[in-house]
PDB file of N, CA and C in Angstrom:
ATOM      1  N   MET A   1     -60.751 -99.240-176.567  1.00  0.00           N
ATOM      2  CA  MET A   1     -59.658 -98.291-176.622  1.00  0.00           C
ATOM      3  C   MET A   1     -59.924 -97.174-175.610  1.00  0.00           C
ATOM      4  N   SER A   2     -58.955 -96.885-174.770  1.00  0.00           N
ATOM      5  CA  SER A   2     -59.158 -95.856-173.760  1.00  0.00           C
ATOM      6  C   SER A   2     -58.698 -94.498-174.286  1.00  0.00           C
ATOM      7  N   HIS A   3     -59.362 -93.471-173.822  1.00  0.00           N
ATOM      8  CA  HIS A   3     -59.026 -92.098-174.201  1.00  0.00           C
ATOM      9  C   HIS A   3     -58.142 -91.504-173.124  1.00  0.00           C
ATOM     10  N   GLU A   4     -57.090 -90.860-173.548  1.00  0.00           N
ATOM     11  CA  GLU A   4     -56.201 -90.196-172.601  1.00  0.00           C
ATOM     12  C   GLU A   4     -56.925 -89.005-171.967  1.00  0.00           C
ATOM     13  N   ILE A   5     -56.753 -88.830-170.676  1.00  0.00           N
ATOM     14  CA  ILE A   5     -57.343 -87.708-169.952  1.00  0.00           C
ATOM     15  C   ILE A   5     -56.568 -86.446-170.314  1.00  0.00           C
ATOM     16  N   ASP A   6     -57.285 -85.348-170.565  1.00  0.00           N
ATOM     17  CA  ASP A   6     -56.648 -84.087-170.925  1.00  0.00           C
ATOM     18  C   ASP A   6     -56.181 -83.291-169.712  1.00  0.00           C
ATOM     19  N   TYR A   7     -56.952 -83.337-168.625  1.00  0.00           N
ATOM     20  CA  TYR A   7     -56.635 -82.541-167.432  1.00  0.00           C
ATOM     21  C   TYR A   7     -56.818 -83.366-166.170  1.00  0.00           C
ATOM     22  N   LEU A   8     -55.916 -83.174-165.233  1.00  0.00           N
ATOM     23  CA  LEU A   8     -56.033 -83.760-163.899  1.00  0.00           C
ATOM     24  C   LEU A   8     -56.345 -82.634-162.930  1.00  0.00           C
ATOM     25  N   PHE A   9     -57.469 -82.739-162.234  1.00  0.00           N
ATOM     26  CA  PHE A   9     -57.842 -81.809-161.171  1.00  0.00           C
ATOM     27  C   PHE A   9     -57.474 -82.479-159.855  1.00  0.00           C
ATOM     28  N   GLU A  10     -56.704 -81.808-159.022  1.00  0.00           N
ATOM     29  CA  GLU A  10     -56.353 -82.319-157.702  1.00  0.00           C
ATOM     30  C   GLU A  10     -56.954 -81.396-156.650  1.00  0.00           C
ATOM     31  N   ASP A  11     -57.778 -81.964-155.790  1.00  0.00           N
ATOM     32  CA  ASP A  11     -58.408 -81.224-154.697  1.00  0.00           C
ATOM     33  C   ASP A  11     -57.499 -81.280-153.482  1.00  0.00           C
ATOM     34  N   HIS A  12     -56.931 -80.129-153.124  1.00  0.00           N
ATOM     35  CA  HIS A  12     -56.059 -80.026-151.958  1.00  0.00           C
ATOM     36  C   HIS A  12     -56.762 -79.315-150.798  1.00  0.00           C
ATOM     37  N   GLY A  13     -58.080 -79.230-150.865  1.00  0.00           N
ATOM     38  CA  GLY A  13     -58.846 -78.592-149.796  1.00  0.00           C
ATOM     39  C   GLY A  13     -59.057 -77.121-150.070  1.00  0.00           C
ATOM     40  N   SER A  14     -58.072 -76.306-149.759  1.00  0.00           N
ATOM     41  CA  SER A  14     -58.231 -74.858-149.934  1.00  0.00           C
ATOM     42  C   SER A  14     -57.898 -74.396-151.353  1.00  0.00           C
ATOM     43  N   ILE A  15     -57.265 -75.258-152.131  1.00  0.00           N
ATOM     44  CA  ILE A  15     -56.976 -74.957-153.536  1.00  0.00           C
ATOM     45  C   ILE A  15     -57.128 -76.217-154.373  1.00  0.00           C
ATOM     46  N   PHE A  16     -57.278 -76.015-155.661  1.00  0.00           N
ATOM     47  CA  PHE A  16     -57.217 -77.099-156.628  1.00  0.00           C
ATOM     48  C   PHE A  16     -56.020 -76.853-157.521  1.00  0.00           C
ATOM     49  N   MET A  17     -55.389 -77.917-157.944  1.00  0.00           N
ATOM     50  CA  MET A  17     -54.322 -77.844-158.929  1.00  0.00           C
ATOM     51  C   MET A  17     -54.873 -78.492-160.195  1.00  0.00           C
ATOM     52  N   VAL A  18     -54.772 -77.791-161.313  1.00  0.00           N
ATOM     53  CA  VAL A  18     -55.248 -78.310-162.587  1.00  0.00           C
ATOM     54  C   VAL A  18     -54.026 -78.479-163.485  1.00  0.00           C
ATOM     55  N   THR A  19     -53.745 -79.727-163.826  1.00  0.00           N
ATOM     56  CA  THR A  19     -52.544 -80.041-164.584  1.00  0.00           C
ATOM     57  C   THR A  19     -52.906 -80.627-165.938  1.00  0.00           C
ATOM     58  N   PRO A  20     -52.495 -79.970-167.021  1.00  0.00           N
ATOM     59  CA  PRO A  20     -52.727 -80.532-168.353  1.00  0.00           C
ATOM     60  C   PRO A  20     -51.935 -81.831-168.506  1.00  0.00           C
ATOM     61  N   GLN A  21     -52.547 -82.809-169.151  1.00  0.00           N
ATOM     62  CA  GLN A  21     -51.920 -84.115-169.322  1.00  0.00           C
ATOM     63  C   GLN A  21     -51.431 -84.355-170.747  1.00  0.00           C
ATOM     64  N   THR A  22     -51.764 -83.454-171.652  1.00  0.00           N
ATOM     65  CA  THR A  22     -51.336 -83.577-173.042  1.00  0.00           C
ATOM     66  C   THR A  22     -50.786 -82.229-173.508  1.00  0.00           C
ATOM     67  N   PRO A  23     -49.946 -82.231-174.516  1.00  0.00           N
ATOM     68  CA  PRO A  23     -49.454 -80.956-175.053  1.00  0.00           C
ATOM     69  C   PRO A  23     -50.589 -80.051-175.547  1.00  0.00           C
ATOM     70  N   GLU A  24     -51.615 -80.647-176.155  1.00  0.00           N
ATOM     71  CA  GLU A  24     -52.751 -79.862-176.640  1.00  0.00           C
ATOM     72  C   GLU A  24     -53.503 -79.210-175.492  1.00  0.00           C
ATOM     73  N   ALA A  25     -53.668 -79.938-174.399  1.00  0.00           N
ATOM     74  CA  ALA A  25     -54.356 -79.390-173.223  1.00  0.00           C
ATOM     75  C   ALA A  25     -53.533 -78.257-172.612  1.00  0.00           C
ATOM     76  N   ARG A  26     -52.237 -78.411-172.580  1.00  0.00           N
ATOM     77  CA  ARG A  26     -51.356 -77.361-172.036  1.00  0.00           C
ATOM     78  C   ARG A  26     -51.486 -76.090-172.881  1.00  0.00           C
ATOM     79  N   GLU A  27     -51.436 -76.242-174.193  1.00  0.00           N
ATOM     80  CA  GLU A  27     -51.560 -75.091-175.087  1.00  0.00           C
ATOM     81  C   GLU A  27     -52.922 -74.417-174.925  1.00  0.00           C
ATOM     82  N   HIS A  28     -53.976 -75.216-174.823  1.00  0.00           N
ATOM     83  CA  HIS A  28     -55.321 -74.675-174.650  1.00  0.00           C
ATOM     84  C   HIS A  28     -55.422 -73.870-173.355  1.00  0.00           C
ATOM     85  N   LEU A  29     -54.895 -74.413-172.275  1.00  0.00           N
ATOM     86  CA  LEU A  29     -54.955 -73.728-170.987  1.00  0.00           C
ATOM     87  C   LEU A  29     -54.175 -72.414-171.035  1.00  0.00           C
ATOM     88  N   GLU A  30     -52.983 -72.457-171.593  1.00  0.00           N
ATOM     89  CA  GLU A  30     -52.162 -71.245-171.669  1.00  0.00           C
ATOM     90  C   GLU A  30     -52.823 -70.154-172.516  1.00  0.00           C
ATOM     91  N   MET A  31     -53.545 -70.552-173.557  1.00  0.00           N
ATOM     92  CA  MET A  31     -54.192 -69.583-174.439  1.00  0.00           C
ATOM     93  C   MET A  31     -55.467 -68.998-173.836  1.00  0.00           C
ATOM     94  N   ASN A  32     -56.080 -69.703-172.894  1.00  0.00           N
ATOM     95  CA  ASN A  32     -57.387 -69.302-172.394  1.00  0.00           C
ATOM     96  C   ASN A  32     -57.410 -68.844-170.942  1.00  0.00           C
ATOM     97  N   ILE A  33     -56.291 -68.882-170.271  1.00  0.00           N
ATOM     98  CA  ILE A  33     -56.218 -68.457-168.877  1.00  0.00           C
ATOM     99  C   ILE A  33     -55.462 -67.133-168.815  1.00  0.00           C
ATOM    100  N   ASP A  34     -55.950 -66.228-168.008  1.00  0.00           N
ATOM    101  CA  ASP A  34     -55.330 -64.916-167.847  1.00  0.00           C
ATOM    102  C   ASP A  34     -53.850 -65.061-167.494  1.00  0.00           C
ATOM    103  N   ASN A  35     -53.027 -64.182-168.064  1.00  0.00           N
ATOM    104  CA  ASN A  35     -51.588 -64.279-167.821  1.00  0.00           C
ATOM    105  C   ASN A  35     -51.211 -63.929-166.377  1.00  0.00           C
ATOM    106  N   LYS A  36     -52.152 -63.454-165.586  1.00  0.00           N
ATOM    107  CA  LYS A  36     -51.907 -63.172-164.169  1.00  0.00           C
ATOM    108  C   LYS A  36     -52.250 -64.365-163.278  1.00  0.00           C
ATOM    109  N   ALA A  37     -52.683 -65.453-163.888  1.00  0.00           N
ATOM    110  CA  ALA A  37     -53.046 -66.644-163.118  1.00  0.00           C
ATOM    111  C   ALA A  37     -51.823 -67.180-162.383  1.00  0.00           C
ATOM    112  N   MET A  38     -52.072 -67.895-161.293  1.00  0.00           N
ATOM    113  CA  MET A  38     -50.989 -68.463-160.508  1.00  0.00           C
ATOM    114  C   MET A  38     -50.715 -69.892-160.975  1.00  0.00           C
ATOM    115  N   TRP A  39     -49.455 -70.172-161.197  1.00  0.00           N
ATOM    116  CA  TRP A  39     -49.012 -71.503-161.591  1.00  0.00           C
ATOM    117  C   TRP A  39     -48.086 -72.055-160.517  1.00  0.00           C
ATOM    118  N   PHE A  40     -48.151 -73.351-160.324  1.00  0.00           N
ATOM    119  CA  PHE A  40     -47.218 -74.059-159.458  1.00  0.00           C
ATOM    120  C   PHE A  40     -46.618 -75.159-160.314  1.00  0.00           C
ATOM    121  N   GLY A  41     -45.430 -74.914-160.811  1.00  0.00           N
ATOM    122  CA  GLY A  41     -44.843 -75.842-161.777  1.00  0.00           C
ATOM    123  C   GLY A  41     -45.683 -75.827-163.037  1.00  0.00           C
ATOM    124  N   LEU A  42     -46.141 -76.986-163.470  1.00  0.00           N
ATOM    125  CA  LEU A  42     -46.972 -77.099-164.667  1.00  0.00           C
ATOM    126  C   LEU A  42     -48.466 -77.045-164.363  1.00  0.00           C
ATOM    127  N   SER A  43     -48.817 -76.825-163.092  1.00  0.00           N
ATOM    128  CA  SER A  43     -50.219 -76.851-162.669  1.00  0.00           C
ATOM    129  C   SER A  43     -50.765 -75.443-162.451  1.00  0.00           C
ATOM    130  N   LEU A  44     -51.983 -75.239-162.897  1.00  0.00           N
ATOM    131  CA  LEU A  44     -52.713 -74.008-162.641  1.00  0.00           C
ATOM    132  C   LEU A  44     -53.330 -74.107-161.249  1.00  0.00           C
ATOM    133  N   VAL A  45     -53.143 -73.081-160.439  1.00  0.00           N
ATOM    134  CA  VAL A  45     -53.730 -73.040-159.100  1.00  0.00           C
ATOM    135  C   VAL A  45     -55.104 -72.375-159.220  1.00  0.00           C
ATOM    136  N   VAL A  46     -56.149 -73.058-158.721  1.00  0.00           N
ATOM    137  CA  VAL A  46     -57.518 -72.575-158.869  1.00  0.00           C
ATOM    138  C   VAL A  46     -58.217 -72.594-157.520  1.00  0.00           C
ATOM    139  N   GLU A  47     -58.887 -71.484-157.199  1.00  0.00           N
ATOM    140  CA  GLU A  47     -59.709 -71.459-155.986  1.00  0.00           C
ATOM    141  C   GLU A  47     -60.912 -72.375-156.195  1.00  0.00           C
ATOM    142  N   PRO A  48     -61.357 -73.046-155.132  1.00  0.00           N
ATOM    143  CA  PRO A  48     -62.482 -73.976-155.263  1.00  0.00           C
ATOM    144  C   PRO A  48     -63.727 -73.364-155.906  1.00  0.00           C
ATOM    145  N   ARG A  49     -63.990 -72.089-155.655  1.00  0.00           N
ATOM    146  CA  ARG A  49     -65.213 -71.478-156.201  1.00  0.00           C
ATOM    147  C   ARG A  49     -65.204 -71.380-157.727  1.00  0.00           C
ATOM    148  N   TYR A  50     -64.048 -71.521-158.366  1.00  0.00           N
ATOM    149  CA  TYR A  50     -63.956 -71.428-159.821  1.00  0.00           C
ATOM    150  C   TYR A  50     -63.847 -72.777-160.524  1.00  0.00           C
ATOM    151  N   VAL A  51     -63.694 -73.845-159.774  1.00  0.00           N
ATOM    152  CA  VAL A  51     -63.446 -75.160-160.360  1.00  0.00           C
ATOM    153  C   VAL A  51     -64.609 -75.639-161.215  1.00  0.00           C
ATOM    154  N   ARG A  52     -65.826 -75.483-160.732  1.00  0.00           N
ATOM    155  CA  ARG A  52     -66.980 -75.964-161.491  1.00  0.00           C
ATOM    156  C   ARG A  52     -67.074 -75.270-162.854  1.00  0.00           C
ATOM    157  N   ASP A  53     -66.907 -73.943-162.871  1.00  0.00           N
ATOM    158  CA  ASP A  53     -66.964 -73.216-164.138  1.00  0.00           C
ATOM    159  C   ASP A  53     -65.872 -73.682-165.093  1.00  0.00           C
ATOM    160  N   LEU A  54     -64.677 -73.890-164.579  1.00  0.00           N
ATOM    161  CA  LEU A  54     -63.579 -74.360-165.417  1.00  0.00           C
ATOM    162  C   LEU A  54     -63.887 -75.741-165.974  1.00  0.00           C
ATOM    163  N   ALA A  55     -64.340 -76.652-165.132  1.00  0.00           N
ATOM    164  CA  ALA A  55     -64.662 -78.008-165.581  1.00  0.00           C
ATOM    165  C   ALA A  55     -65.785 -77.998-166.614  1.00  0.00           C
ATOM    166  N   GLU A  56     -66.813 -77.192-166.391  1.00  0.00           N
ATOM    167  CA  GLU A  56     -67.910 -77.115-167.351  1.00  0.00           C
ATOM    168  C   GLU A  56     -67.443 -76.537-168.680  1.00  0.00           C
ATOM    169  N   GLY A  57     -66.552 -75.542-168.631  1.00  0.00           N
ATOM    170  CA  GLY A  57     -66.000 -74.980-169.862  1.00  0.00           C
ATOM    171  C   GLY A  57     -65.185 -76.003-170.630  1.00  0.00           C
ATOM    172  N   LEU A  58     -64.390 -76.788-169.917  1.00  0.00           N
ATOM    173  CA  LEU A  58     -63.607 -77.830-170.572  1.00  0.00           C
ATOM    174  C   LEU A  58     -64.513 -78.888-171.183  1.00  0.00           C
ATOM    175  N   ASP A  59     -65.560 -79.278-170.444  1.00  0.00           N
ATOM    176  CA  ASP A  59     -66.543 -80.227-170.988  1.00  0.00           C
ATOM    177  C   ASP A  59     -67.148 -79.709-172.287  1.00  0.00           C
ATOM    178  N   ALA A  60     -67.552 -78.445-172.282  1.00  0.00           N
ATOM    179  CA  ALA A  60     -68.208 -77.849-173.455  1.00  0.00           C
ATOM    180  C   ALA A  60     -67.280 -77.827-174.669  1.00  0.00           C
ATOM    181  N   GLU A  61     -65.978 -77.763-174.419  1.00  0.00           N
ATOM    182  CA  GLU A  61     -65.016 -77.724-175.516  1.00  0.00           C
ATOM    183  C   GLU A  61     -64.492 -79.102-175.894  1.00  0.00           C
ATOM    184  N   GLY A  62     -65.040 -80.147-175.254  1.00  0.00           N
ATOM    185  CA  GLY A  62     -64.694 -81.516-175.624  1.00  0.00           C
ATOM    186  C   GLY A  62     -63.465 -82.088-174.938  1.00  0.00           C
ATOM    187  N   TYR A  63     -62.977 -81.422-173.904  1.00  0.00           N
ATOM    188  CA  TYR A  63     -61.824 -81.941-173.166  1.00  0.00           C
ATOM    189  C   TYR A  63     -62.299 -82.870-172.057  1.00  0.00           C
ATOM    190  N   SER A  64     -61.469 -83.845-171.731  1.00  0.00           N
ATOM    191  CA  SER A  64     -61.785 -84.761-170.638  1.00  0.00           C
ATOM    192  C   SER A  64     -60.920 -84.413-169.433  1.00  0.00           C
ATOM    193  N   TRP A  65     -61.425 -84.748-168.260  1.00  0.00           N
ATOM    194  CA  TRP A  65     -60.691 -84.479-167.030  1.00  0.00           C
ATOM    195  C   TRP A  65     -61.071 -85.496-165.979  1.00  0.00           C
ATOM    196  N   THR A  66     -60.243 -85.585-164.983  1.00  0.00           N
ATOM    197  CA  THR A  66     -60.519 -86.460-163.845  1.00  0.00           C
ATOM    198  C   THR A  66     -60.164 -85.711-162.567  1.00  0.00           C
ATOM    199  N   LEU A  67     -60.751 -86.140-161.476  1.00  0.00           N
ATOM    200  CA  LEU A  67     -60.564 -85.476-160.184  1.00  0.00           C
ATOM    201  C   LEU A  67     -59.958 -86.449-159.187  1.00  0.00           C
ATOM    202  N   GLU A  68     -58.936 -85.981-158.487  1.00  0.00           N
ATOM    203  CA  GLU A  68     -58.345 -86.745-157.393  1.00  0.00           C
ATOM    204  C   GLU A  68     -58.364 -85.881-156.142  1.00  0.00           C
ATOM    205  N   THR A  69     -58.686 -86.479-155.021  1.00  0.00           N
ATOM    206  CA  THR A  69     -58.623 -85.777-153.749  1.00  0.00           C
ATOM    207  C   THR A  69     -57.308 -86.146-153.085  1.00  0.00           C
ATOM    208  N   VAL A  70     -56.529 -85.139-152.744  1.00  0.00           N
ATOM    209  CA  VAL A  70     -55.221 -85.351-152.137  1.00  0.00           C
ATOM    210  C   VAL A  70     -55.377 -85.160-150.629  1.00  0.00           C
ATOM    211  N   VAL A  71     -55.036 -86.182-149.873  1.00  0.00           N
ATOM    212  CA  VAL A  71     -55.129 -86.122-148.415  1.00  0.00           C
ATOM    213  C   VAL A  71     -53.717 -85.946-147.873  1.00  0.00           C
ATOM    214  N   SER A  72     -53.553 -84.923-147.043  1.00  0.00           N
ATOM    215  CA  SER A  72     -52.215 -84.703-146.488  1.00  0.00           C
ATOM    216  C   SER A  72     -52.080 -85.241-145.099  1.00  0.00           C
TER     217      SER A  72
END
């Protein structure tokens, strides 16, 4: 049985887009991210220097994620 991924991280080079894949993940992100954060549609915009901390925090809380590199 496969587990649904909670978050999709997309590496766009100068930014990462973090998109919740489940309603629970969306609620968790909205509750734990500063209200001044930048959003692009349903995705949180994250500077590369913060991605590792975010991923480690999600791991510690039991969320799953995957990473895709987007080539333009």
